[in-house]
PDB file of all heavy atoms in Angstrom:
ATOM      1  N   GLN A   1     213.312  93.947  72.360  1.00  0.00           N
ATOM      2  CA  GLN A   1     213.519  92.547  72.482  1.00  0.00           C
ATOM      3  C   GLN A   1     214.688  92.198  73.409  1.00  0.00           C
ATOM      4  O   GLN A   1     215.697  92.909  73.423  1.00  0.00           O
ATOM      5  CB  GLN A   1     213.958  91.896  70.979  1.00  0.00           C
ATOM      6  CG  GLN A   1     214.190  90.383  70.967  1.00  0.00           C
ATOM      7  CD  GLN A   1     214.521  89.944  69.590  1.00  0.00           C
ATOM      8  OE1 GLN A   1     215.302  90.611  68.805  1.00  0.00           O
ATOM      9  NE2 GLN A   1     214.014  88.853  69.221  1.00  0.00           N
ATOM     10  N   VAL A   2     214.491  91.276  74.305  1.00  0.00           N
ATOM     11  CA  VAL A   2     215.473  90.856  75.169  1.00  0.00           C
ATOM     12  C   VAL A   2     216.328  89.585  74.826  1.00  0.00           C
ATOM     13  O   VAL A   2     217.488  89.642  74.665  1.00  0.00           O
ATOM     14  CB  VAL A   2     214.930  90.578  76.637  1.00  0.00           C
ATOM     15  CG1 VAL A   2     215.959  90.185  77.602  1.00  0.00           C
ATOM     16  CG2 VAL A   2     214.163  91.816  77.185  1.00  0.00           C
ATOM     17  N   ALA A   3     215.529  88.572  74.341  1.00  0.00           N
ATOM     18  CA  ALA A   3     216.087  87.417  73.843  1.00  0.00           C
ATOM     19  C   ALA A   3     215.025  86.660  73.126  1.00  0.00           C
ATOM     20  O   ALA A   3     214.016  86.352  73.709  1.00  0.00           O
ATOM     21  CB  ALA A   3     216.893  86.577  74.778  1.00  0.00           C
ATOM     22  N   GLY A   4     215.275  86.264  71.797  1.00  0.00           N
ATOM     23  CA  GLY A   4     214.217  85.478  71.075  1.00  0.00           C
ATOM     24  C   GLY A   4     212.857  86.049  71.273  1.00  0.00           C
ATOM     25  O   GLY A   4     212.504  87.098  70.824  1.00  0.00           O
ATOM     26  N   ASP A   5     211.898  85.208  71.864  1.00  0.00           N
ATOM     27  CA  ASP A   5     210.537  85.606  71.962  1.00  0.00           C
ATOM     28  C   ASP A   5     210.224  86.343  73.216  1.00  0.00           C
ATOM     29  O   ASP A   5     208.980  86.767  73.447  1.00  0.00           O
ATOM     30  CB  ASP A   5     209.620  84.364  71.905  1.00  0.00           C
ATOM     31  CG  ASP A   5     209.669  83.638  70.569  1.00  0.00           C
ATOM     32  OD1 ASP A   5     209.979  84.289  69.515  1.00  0.00           O
ATOM     33  OD2 ASP A   5     209.589  82.412  70.634  1.00  0.00           O
ATOM     34  N   VAL A   6     211.191  86.749  73.929  1.00  0.00           N
ATOM     35  CA  VAL A   6     211.014  87.540  75.236  1.00  0.00           C
ATOM     36  C   VAL A   6     211.270  89.113  75.050  1.00  0.00           C
ATOM     37  O   VAL A   6     212.309  89.354  74.481  1.00  0.00           O
ATOM     38  CB  VAL A   6     211.801  86.899  76.316  1.00  0.00           C
ATOM     39  CG1 VAL A   6     211.595  87.839  77.634  1.00  0.00           C
ATOM     40  CG2 VAL A   6     211.608  85.501  76.666  1.00  0.00           C
ATOM     41  N   TYR A   7     210.357  89.861  75.454  1.00  0.00           N
ATOM     42  CA  TYR A   7     210.502  91.378  75.242  1.00  0.00           C
ATOM     43  C   TYR A   7     210.193  92.071  76.580  1.00  0.00           C
ATOM     44  O   TYR A   7     209.641  91.461  77.455  1.00  0.00           O
ATOM     45  CB  TYR A   7     209.406  91.788  74.200  1.00  0.00           C
ATOM     46  CG  TYR A   7     209.744  91.258  72.838  1.00  0.00           C
ATOM     47  CD1 TYR A   7     209.358  89.995  72.478  1.00  0.00           C
ATOM     48  CD2 TYR A   7     210.236  92.241  71.804  1.00  0.00           C
ATOM     49  CE1 TYR A   7     209.620  89.486  71.218  1.00  0.00           C
ATOM     50  CE2 TYR A   7     210.533  91.671  70.545  1.00  0.00           C
ATOM     51  CZ  TYR A   7     210.132  90.391  70.211  1.00  0.00           C
ATOM     52  OH  TYR A   7     210.396  89.945  68.967  1.00  0.00           O
ATOM     53  N   ILE A   8     210.756  93.370  76.656  1.00  0.00           N
ATOM     54  CA  ILE A   8     210.408  94.179  77.711  1.00  0.00           C
ATOM     55  C   ILE A   8     209.578  95.234  77.291  1.00  0.00           C
ATOM     56  O   ILE A   8     209.889  95.859  76.108  1.00  0.00           O
ATOM     57  CB  ILE A   8     211.653  94.720  78.430  1.00  0.00           C
ATOM     58  CG1 ILE A   8     211.370  95.689  79.644  1.00  0.00           C
ATOM     59  CG2 ILE A   8     212.662  95.342  77.426  1.00  0.00           C
ATOM     60  CD1 ILE A   8     212.620  96.099  80.469  1.00  0.00           C
ATOM     61  N   LEU A   9     208.481  95.706  77.920  1.00  0.00           N
ATOM     62  CA  LEU A   9     207.742  96.809  77.602  1.00  0.00           C
ATOM     63  C   LEU A   9     207.951  97.920  78.682  1.00  0.00           C
ATOM     64  O   LEU A   9     207.790  97.657  79.867  1.00  0.00           O
ATOM     65  CB  LEU A   9     206.253  96.474  77.508  1.00  0.00           C
ATOM     66  CG  LEU A   9     205.885  95.440  76.539  1.00  0.00           C
ATOM     67  CD1 LEU A   9     204.214  95.418  76.517  1.00  0.00           C
ATOM     68  CD2 LEU A   9     206.257  95.792  75.136  1.00  0.00           C
ATOM     69  N   GLU A  10     208.355  99.073  78.393  1.00  0.00           N
ATOM     70  CA  GLU A  10     208.588 100.166  79.237  1.00  0.00           C
ATOM     71  C   GLU A  10     207.509 101.273  79.027  1.00  0.00           C
ATOM     72  O   GLU A  10     207.351 101.578  77.919  1.00  0.00           O
ATOM     73  CB  GLU A  10     210.026 100.700  79.084  1.00  0.00           C
ATOM     74  CG  GLU A  10     211.061  99.688  79.487  1.00  0.00           C
ATOM     75  CD  GLU A  10     212.503 100.152  79.080  1.00  0.00           C
ATOM     76  OE1 GLU A  10     212.851  99.947  78.015  1.00  0.00           O
ATOM     77  OE2 GLU A  10     213.184 100.708  79.916  1.00  0.00           O
ATOM     78  N   GLY A  11     207.052 101.801  80.122  1.00  0.00           N
ATOM     79  CA  GLY A  11     206.028 102.908  79.878  1.00  0.00           C
ATOM     80  C   GLY A  11     206.057 103.823  81.287  1.00  0.00           C
ATOM     81  O   GLY A  11     206.979 104.487  81.380  1.00  0.00           O
ATOM     82  N   ALA A  12     205.113 103.606  82.149  1.00  0.00           N
ATOM     83  CA  ALA A  12     205.002 104.274  83.464  1.00  0.00           C
ATOM     84  C   ALA A  12     204.746 103.160  84.493  1.00  0.00           C
ATOM     85  O   ALA A  12     203.818 102.446  84.391  1.00  0.00           O
ATOM     86  CB  ALA A  12     204.024 105.327  83.430  1.00  0.00           C
ATOM     87  N   GLY A  13     205.771 103.147  85.452  1.00  0.00           N
ATOM     88  CA  GLY A  13     205.623 102.052  86.438  1.00  0.00           C
ATOM     89  C   GLY A  13     206.577 100.899  86.067  1.00  0.00           C
ATOM     90  O   GLY A  13     207.635 101.154  85.519  1.00  0.00           O
ATOM     91  N   GLY A  14     206.350  99.725  86.746  1.00  0.00           N
ATOM     92  CA  GLY A  14     207.138  98.562  86.639  1.00  0.00           C
ATOM     93  C   GLY A  14     207.415  98.021  85.304  1.00  0.00           C
ATOM     94  O   GLY A  14     206.527  98.164  84.414  1.00  0.00           O
ATOM     95  N   ASN A  15     208.580  97.527  84.905  1.00  0.00           N
ATOM     96  CA  ASN A  15     208.859  96.936  83.776  1.00  0.00           C
ATOM     97  C   ASN A  15     207.952  95.651  83.462  1.00  0.00           C
ATOM     98  O   ASN A  15     207.787  94.915  84.256  1.00  0.00           O
ATOM     99  CB  ASN A  15     210.366  96.515  83.627  1.00  0.00           C
ATOM    100  CG  ASN A  15     211.305  97.677  83.497  1.00  0.00           C
ATOM    101  OD1 ASN A  15     210.909  98.634  82.994  1.00  0.00           O
ATOM    102  ND2 ASN A  15     212.461  97.539  84.028  1.00  0.00           N
ATOM    103  N   ILE A  16     207.527  95.573  82.172  1.00  0.00           N
ATOM    104  CA  ILE A  16     206.664  94.608  81.861  1.00  0.00           C
ATOM    105  C   ILE A  16     207.435  93.512  80.995  1.00  0.00           C
ATOM    106  O   ILE A  16     208.357  93.864  80.192  1.00  0.00           O
ATOM    107  CB  ILE A  16     205.497  95.063  80.985  1.00  0.00           C
ATOM    108  CG1 ILE A  16     204.480  95.906  81.739  1.00  0.00           C
ATOM    109  CG2 ILE A  16     204.690  93.815  80.284  1.00  0.00           C
ATOM    110  CD1 ILE A  16     203.399  96.636  80.919  1.00  0.00           C
ATOM    111  N   GLY A  17     207.289  92.199  81.272  1.00  0.00           N
ATOM    112  CA  GLY A  17     207.780  91.193  80.416  1.00  0.00           C
ATOM    113  C   GLY A  17     206.667  90.666  79.560  1.00  0.00           C
ATOM    114  O   GLY A  17     205.609  90.407  79.877  1.00  0.00           O
ATOM    115  N   VAL A  18     207.105  90.295  78.300  1.00  0.00           N
ATOM    116  CA  VAL A  18     206.233  89.626  77.387  1.00  0.00           C
ATOM    117  C   VAL A  18     206.921  88.403  76.712  1.00  0.00           C
ATOM    118  O   VAL A  18     208.101  88.542  76.311  1.00  0.00           O
ATOM    119  CB  VAL A  18     205.734  90.581  76.228  1.00  0.00           C
ATOM    120  CG1 VAL A  18     204.821  89.851  75.166  1.00  0.00           C
ATOM    121  CG2 VAL A  18     204.948  91.728  76.768  1.00  0.00           C
ATOM    122  N   LEU A  19     206.243  87.215  76.765  1.00  0.00           N
ATOM    123  CA  LEU A  19     206.739  86.155  75.936  1.00  0.00           C
ATOM    124  C   LEU A  19     205.690  86.011  74.733  1.00  0.00           C
ATOM    125  O   LEU A  19     204.456  85.897  74.928  1.00  0.00           O
ATOM    126  CB  LEU A  19     206.666  84.839  76.706  1.00  0.00           C
ATOM    127  CG  LEU A  19     206.893  83.445  75.979  1.00  0.00           C
ATOM    128  CD1 LEU A  19     208.361  83.491  75.338  1.00  0.00           C
ATOM    129  CD2 LEU A  19     206.581  82.329  76.736  1.00  0.00           C
ATOM    130  N   ALA A  20     206.153  86.166  73.534  1.00  0.00           N
ATOM    131  CA  ALA A  20     205.445  86.232  72.343  1.00  0.00           C
ATOM    132  C   ALA A  20     205.642  84.902  71.489  1.00  0.00           C
ATOM    133  O   ALA A  20     206.701  84.893  70.805  1.00  0.00           O
ATOM    134  CB  ALA A  20     205.645  87.490  71.474  1.00  0.00           C
ATOM    135  N   THR A  21     204.827  83.951  71.628  1.00  0.00           N
ATOM    136  CA  THR A  21     204.926  82.681  70.843  1.00  0.00           C
ATOM    137  C   THR A  21     203.774  82.616  69.780  1.00  0.00           C
ATOM    138  O   THR A  21     202.827  83.298  69.809  1.00  0.00           O
ATOM    139  CB  THR A  21     204.954  81.531  71.680  1.00  0.00           C
ATOM    140  OG1 THR A  21     203.569  81.252  72.220  1.00  0.00           O
ATOM    141  CG2 THR A  21     205.675  81.778  73.028  1.00  0.00           C
ATOM    142  N   ASP A  22     204.081  81.599  68.889  1.00  0.00           N
ATOM    143  CA  ASP A  22     202.950  81.333  67.891  1.00  0.00           C
ATOM    144  C   ASP A  22     201.659  80.684  68.509  1.00  0.00           C
ATOM    145  O   ASP A  22     200.553  80.655  67.814  1.00  0.00           O
ATOM    146  CB  ASP A  22     203.618  80.382  66.721  1.00  0.00           C
ATOM    147  CG  ASP A  22     204.576  81.058  65.958  1.00  0.00           C
ATOM    148  OD1 ASP A  22     204.570  82.285  65.905  1.00  0.00           O
ATOM    149  OD2 ASP A  22     205.488  80.272  65.255  1.00  0.00           O
ATOM    150  N   SER A  23     201.853  80.274  69.740  1.00  0.00           N
ATOM    151  CA  SER A  23     200.705  79.679  70.492  1.00  0.00           C
ATOM    152  C   SER A  23     199.991  80.709  71.411  1.00  0.00           C
ATOM    153  O   SER A  23     199.101  80.234  72.129  1.00  0.00           O
ATOM    154  CB  SER A  23     201.133  78.381  71.285  1.00  0.00           C
ATOM    155  OG  SER A  23     201.748  77.526  70.399  1.00  0.00           O
ATOM    156  N   GLY A  24     200.550  81.762  71.488  1.00  0.00           N
ATOM    157  CA  GLY A  24     199.941  82.808  72.233  1.00  0.00           C
ATOM    158  C   GLY A  24     200.939  83.615  73.074  1.00  0.00           C
ATOM    159  O   GLY A  24     202.163  83.454  73.090  1.00  0.00           O
ATOM    160  N   LEU A  25     200.387  84.644  73.936  1.00  0.00           N
ATOM    161  CA  LEU A  25     201.356  85.500  74.546  1.00  0.00           C
ATOM    162  C   LEU A  25     201.119  85.355  76.164  1.00  0.00           C
ATOM    163  O   LEU A  25     200.115  84.904  76.654  1.00  0.00           O
ATOM    164  CB  LEU A  25     200.864  86.966  74.287  1.00  0.00           C
ATOM    165  CG  LEU A  25     200.779  87.345  72.901  1.00  0.00           C
ATOM    166  CD1 LEU A  25     200.267  88.755  72.691  1.00  0.00           C
ATOM    167  CD2 LEU A  25     202.096  87.265  72.212  1.00  0.00           C
ATOM    168  N   LEU A  26     202.228  85.653  76.854  1.00  0.00           N
ATOM    169  CA  LEU A  26     202.293  85.640  78.243  1.00  0.00           C
ATOM    170  C   LEU A  26     202.798  87.044  78.729  1.00  0.00           C
ATOM    171  O   LEU A  26     203.763  87.526  78.193  1.00  0.00           O
ATOM    172  CB  LEU A  26     202.991  84.596  78.897  1.00  0.00           C
ATOM    173  CG  LEU A  26     203.183  84.474  80.456  1.00  0.00           C
ATOM    174  CD1 LEU A  26     203.287  83.055  80.824  1.00  0.00           C
ATOM    175  CD2 LEU A  26     204.420  85.203  80.921  1.00  0.00           C
ATOM    176  N   LEU A  27     202.051  87.650  79.804  1.00  0.00           N
ATOM    177  CA  LEU A  27     202.326  88.995  80.290  1.00  0.00           C
ATOM    178  C   LEU A  27     202.791  88.932  81.654  1.00  0.00           C
ATOM    179  O   LEU A  27     202.176  88.220  82.508  1.00  0.00           O
ATOM    180  CB  LEU A  27     201.232  89.794  80.075  1.00  0.00           C
ATOM    181  CG  LEU A  27     201.163  91.272  80.457  1.00  0.00           C
ATOM    182  CD1 LEU A  27     202.035  92.046  79.428  1.00  0.00           C
ATOM    183  CD2 LEU A  27     199.761  91.910  80.610  1.00  0.00           C
ATOM    184  N   VAL A  28     203.916  89.487  81.909  1.00  0.00           N
ATOM    185  CA  VAL A  28     204.461  89.693  83.390  1.00  0.00           C
ATOM    186  C   VAL A  28     204.245  91.036  83.752  1.00  0.00           C
ATOM    187  O   VAL A  28     204.961  92.022  83.314  1.00  0.00           O
ATOM    188  CB  VAL A  28     205.948  89.253  83.465  1.00  0.00           C
ATOM    189  CG1 VAL A  28     206.358  89.266  84.888  1.00  0.00           C
ATOM    190  CG2 VAL A  28     206.142  87.797  82.915  1.00  0.00           C
ATOM    191  N   ASP A  29     203.447  91.324  84.637  1.00  0.00           N
ATOM    192  CA  ASP A  29     202.988  92.680  85.273  1.00  0.00           C
ATOM    193  C   ASP A  29     202.353  93.453  84.105  1.00  0.00           C
ATOM    194  O   ASP A  29     202.507  93.253  82.993  1.00  0.00           O
ATOM    195  CB  ASP A  29     204.217  93.371  85.862  1.00  0.00           C
ATOM    196  CG  ASP A  29     204.614  92.722  87.151  1.00  0.00           C
ATOM    197  OD1 ASP A  29     203.920  91.929  87.746  1.00  0.00           O
ATOM    198  OD2 ASP A  29     205.809  92.955  87.570  1.00  0.00           O
ATOM    199  N   ASP A  30     201.580  94.567  84.666  1.00  0.00           N
ATOM    200  CA  ASP A  30     200.796  95.217  83.684  1.00  0.00           C
ATOM    201  C   ASP A  30     200.554  96.771  84.030  1.00  0.00           C
ATOM    202  O   ASP A  30     199.595  97.319  83.542  1.00  0.00           O
ATOM    203  CB  ASP A  30     199.372  94.550  83.492  1.00  0.00           C
ATOM    204  CG  ASP A  30     198.620  94.282  84.794  1.00  0.00           C
ATOM    205  OD1 ASP A  30     198.716  95.126  85.730  1.00  0.00           O
ATOM    206  OD2 ASP A  30     197.959  93.241  84.984  1.00  0.00           O
TER     207      ASP A  30
END
């Protein structure tokens, strides 16, 4: 968790951003 509903996903490659709301998700990079 970065702040509130915003998260970072780390794996292999560029960092992914996720906005996780009750109305759905938004993904930054994959």
